[in-house]
C-alpha atoms as a PDB file:
ATOM      1  CA  UNK A   1      87.900  -3.334  97.306  1.00  0.00           C
ATOM      2  CA  UNK A   2      91.440  -3.383  97.593  1.00  0.00           C
ATOM      3  CA  UNK A   3      93.571  -0.116  98.723  1.00  0.00           C
ATOM      4  CA  UNK A   4      97.007  -0.248  97.209  1.00  0.00           C
ATOM      5  CA  UNK A   5      99.753   2.170  98.392  1.00  0.00           C
ATOM      6  CA  UNK A   6     103.059   2.491  96.827  1.00  0.00           C
ATOM      7  CA  UNK A   7     105.302   4.672  99.327  1.00  0.00           C
ATOM      8  CA  UNK A   8     107.865   6.383  97.630  1.00  0.00           C
ATOM      9  CA  UNK A   9     110.440   8.791  99.407  1.00  0.00           C
ATOM     10  CA  UNK A  10     108.678  12.051  98.105  1.00  0.00           C
ATOM     11  CA  UNK A  11     105.150  10.730  97.180  1.00  0.00           C
ATOM     12  CA  UNK A  12     102.741   7.999  97.490  1.00  0.00           C
ATOM     13  CA  UNK A  13     100.406   6.528  94.782  1.00  0.00           C
ATOM     14  CA  UNK A  14      97.322   4.935  95.979  1.00  0.00           C
ATOM     15  CA  UNK A  15      94.779   3.264  94.046  1.00  0.00           C
ATOM     16  CA  UNK A  16      91.481   1.753  94.715  1.00  0.00           C
ATOM     17  CA  UNK A  17      90.606  -1.655  92.510  1.00  0.00           C
ATOM     18  CA  UNK A  18      87.393  -3.239  92.407  1.00  0.00           C
ATOM     19  CA  UNK A  19      88.825  -6.653  91.105  1.00  0.00           C
ATOM     20  CA  UNK A  20      90.950  -6.045  88.176  1.00  0.00           C
ATOM     21  CA  UNK A  21      89.482  -2.551  87.718  1.00  0.00           C
ATOM     22  CA  UNK A  22      91.095   0.847  89.000  1.00  0.00           C
ATOM     23  CA  UNK A  23      88.102   2.578  90.391  1.00  0.00           C
ATOM     24  CA  UNK A  24      90.113   5.614  91.816  1.00  0.00           C
ATOM     25  CA  UNK A  25      93.740   6.707  91.908  1.00  0.00           C
ATOM     26  CA  UNK A  26      95.511   9.547  93.955  1.00  0.00           C
ATOM     27  CA  UNK A  27      98.975  11.095  94.741  1.00  0.00           C
ATOM     28  CA  UNK A  28      99.929  12.104  97.903  1.00  0.00           C
ATOM     29  CA  UNK A  29     102.931  13.853  99.495  1.00  0.00           C
ATOM     30  CA  UNK A  30     105.067  11.367 101.955  1.00  0.00           C
ATOM     31  CA  UNK A  31     104.764  12.904 105.025  1.00  0.00           C
ATOM     32  CA  UNK A  32     106.345  10.667 107.608  1.00  0.00           C
ATOM     33  CA  UNK A  33     105.304  12.852 110.721  1.00  0.00           C
ATOM     34  CA  UNK A  34     101.432  12.209 109.928  1.00  0.00           C
ATOM     35  CA  UNK A  35     100.045  10.364 112.629  1.00  0.00           C
ATOM     36  CA  UNK A  36      97.380   7.163 111.796  1.00  0.00           C
ATOM     37  CA  UNK A  37      94.654   9.401 112.592  1.00  0.00           C
ATOM     38  CA  UNK A  38      95.699  12.017 110.151  1.00  0.00           C
ATOM     39  CA  UNK A  39      96.337   9.204 107.613  1.00  0.00           C
ATOM     40  CA  UNK A  40      92.816   7.810 108.168  1.00  0.00           C
ATOM     41  CA  UNK A  41      91.133  11.162 107.974  1.00  0.00           C
ATOM     42  CA  UNK A  42      92.937  12.060 104.328  1.00  0.00           C
ATOM     43  CA  UNK A  43      92.171   8.228 102.941  1.00  0.00           C
ATOM     44  CA  UNK A  44      88.464   8.229 104.076  1.00  0.00           C
ATOM     45  CA  UNK A  45      87.959  11.868 102.504  1.00  0.00           C
ATOM     46  CA  UNK A  46      89.755  10.845  99.514  1.00  0.00           C
ATOM     47  CA  UNK A  47      87.524   7.881  99.108  1.00  0.00           C
ATOM     48  CA  UNK A  48      84.264   9.733  99.754  1.00  0.00           C
ATOM     49  CA  UNK A  49      85.199  12.350  97.239  1.00  0.00           C
ATOM     50  CA  UNK A  50      85.347   9.778  94.804  1.00  0.00           C
ATOM     51  CA  UNK A  51      82.135   8.568  95.658  1.00  0.00           C
ATOM     52  CA  UNK A  52      83.019   5.335  97.548  1.00  0.00           C
ATOM     53  CA  UNK A  53      82.692   4.474 101.015  1.00  0.00           C
ATOM     54  CA  UNK A  54      85.548   3.819 103.372  1.00  0.00           C
ATOM     55  CA  UNK A  55      83.647   0.495 104.257  1.00  0.00           C
ATOM     56  CA  UNK A  56      83.854  -0.650 100.472  1.00  0.00           C
ATOM     57  CA  UNK A  57      87.718  -1.514 101.488  1.00  0.00           C
ATOM     58  CA  UNK A  58      87.904  -4.900 102.235  1.00  0.00           C
ATOM     59  CA  UNK A  59      91.799  -5.059 102.073  1.00  0.00           C
ATOM     60  CA  UNK A  60      94.968  -2.983 101.585  1.00  0.00           C
ATOM     61  CA  UNK A  61      98.455  -3.538 100.118  1.00  0.00           C
ATOM     62  CA  UNK A  62     101.284  -1.341 101.086  1.00  0.00           C
ATOM     63  CA  UNK A  63     104.744  -1.525  99.301  1.00  0.00           C
ATOM     64  CA  UNK A  64     107.906   0.616  99.580  1.00  0.00           C
ATOM     65  CA  UNK A  65     111.198   0.449  97.717  1.00  0.00           C
ATOM     66  CA  UNK A  66     112.885   2.804 100.879  1.00  0.00           C
ATOM     67  CA  UNK A  67     113.080   2.363 104.586  1.00  0.00           C
ATOM     68  CA  UNK A  68     110.810   4.086 106.700  1.00  0.00           C
ATOM     69  CA  UNK A  69     112.554   6.170 109.707  1.00  0.00           C
ATOM     70  CA  UNK A  70     113.211   3.817 112.764  1.00  0.00           C
ATOM     71  CA  UNK A  71     113.331   0.901 110.252  1.00  0.00           C
ATOM     72  CA  UNK A  72     111.272  -0.640 107.615  1.00  0.00           C
ATOM     73  CA  UNK A  73     108.659  -2.288 109.592  1.00  0.00           C
ATOM     74  CA  UNK A  74     107.945   0.859 111.172  1.00  0.00           C
ATOM     75  CA  UNK A  75     105.957   2.032 108.001  1.00  0.00           C
ATOM     76  CA  UNK A  76     103.694  -0.846 108.534  1.00  0.00           C
ATOM     77  CA  UNK A  77     101.002   0.245 110.833  1.00  0.00           C
ATOM     78  CA  UNK A  78     100.643  -2.051 113.881  1.00  0.00           C
ATOM     79  CA  UNK A  79      97.033  -0.959 114.328  1.00  0.00           C
ATOM     80  CA  UNK A  80      93.990  -2.959 114.756  1.00  0.00           C
ATOM     81  CA  UNK A  81      92.135  -0.591 112.161  1.00  0.00           C
ATOM     82  CA  UNK A  82      94.439  -1.533 109.378  1.00  0.00           C
ATOM     83  CA  UNK A  83      95.652  -5.245 110.805  1.00  0.00           C
ATOM     84  CA  UNK A  84      94.782  -8.207 110.013  1.00  0.00           C
ATOM     85  CA  UNK A  85      93.781  -7.021 106.433  1.00  0.00           C
ATOM     86  CA  UNK A  86      97.038  -4.999 105.293  1.00  0.00           C
ATOM     87  CA  UNK A  87      99.791  -6.593 103.772  1.00  0.00           C
ATOM     88  CA  UNK A  88     102.771  -5.111 103.890  1.00  0.00           C
ATOM     89  CA  UNK A  89     105.633  -5.167 101.279  1.00  0.00           C
ATOM     90  CA  UNK A  90     108.808  -3.742 102.249  1.00  0.00           C
ATOM     91  CA  UNK A  91     112.589  -4.376 101.256  1.00  0.00           C
END
């Protein structure tokens, strides 16, 4: 499955895709002060609540139309839990 994240200034829209089919979707408040661990717990809980295992996610893509604090690449996690399966599309 593919986890897609669209990061906006006030909201993040997330979708879980199985091939071309949207299996689940969520809207979250953009909170730049959240740590990678907090995002992990939040996303894992949403996946489980929707009846999916986090282990089903094989890839992720993140897009943003705005800059993140500290510059646009600061929003792309440089964490071994995410790479190399995360594609970031930033301005």
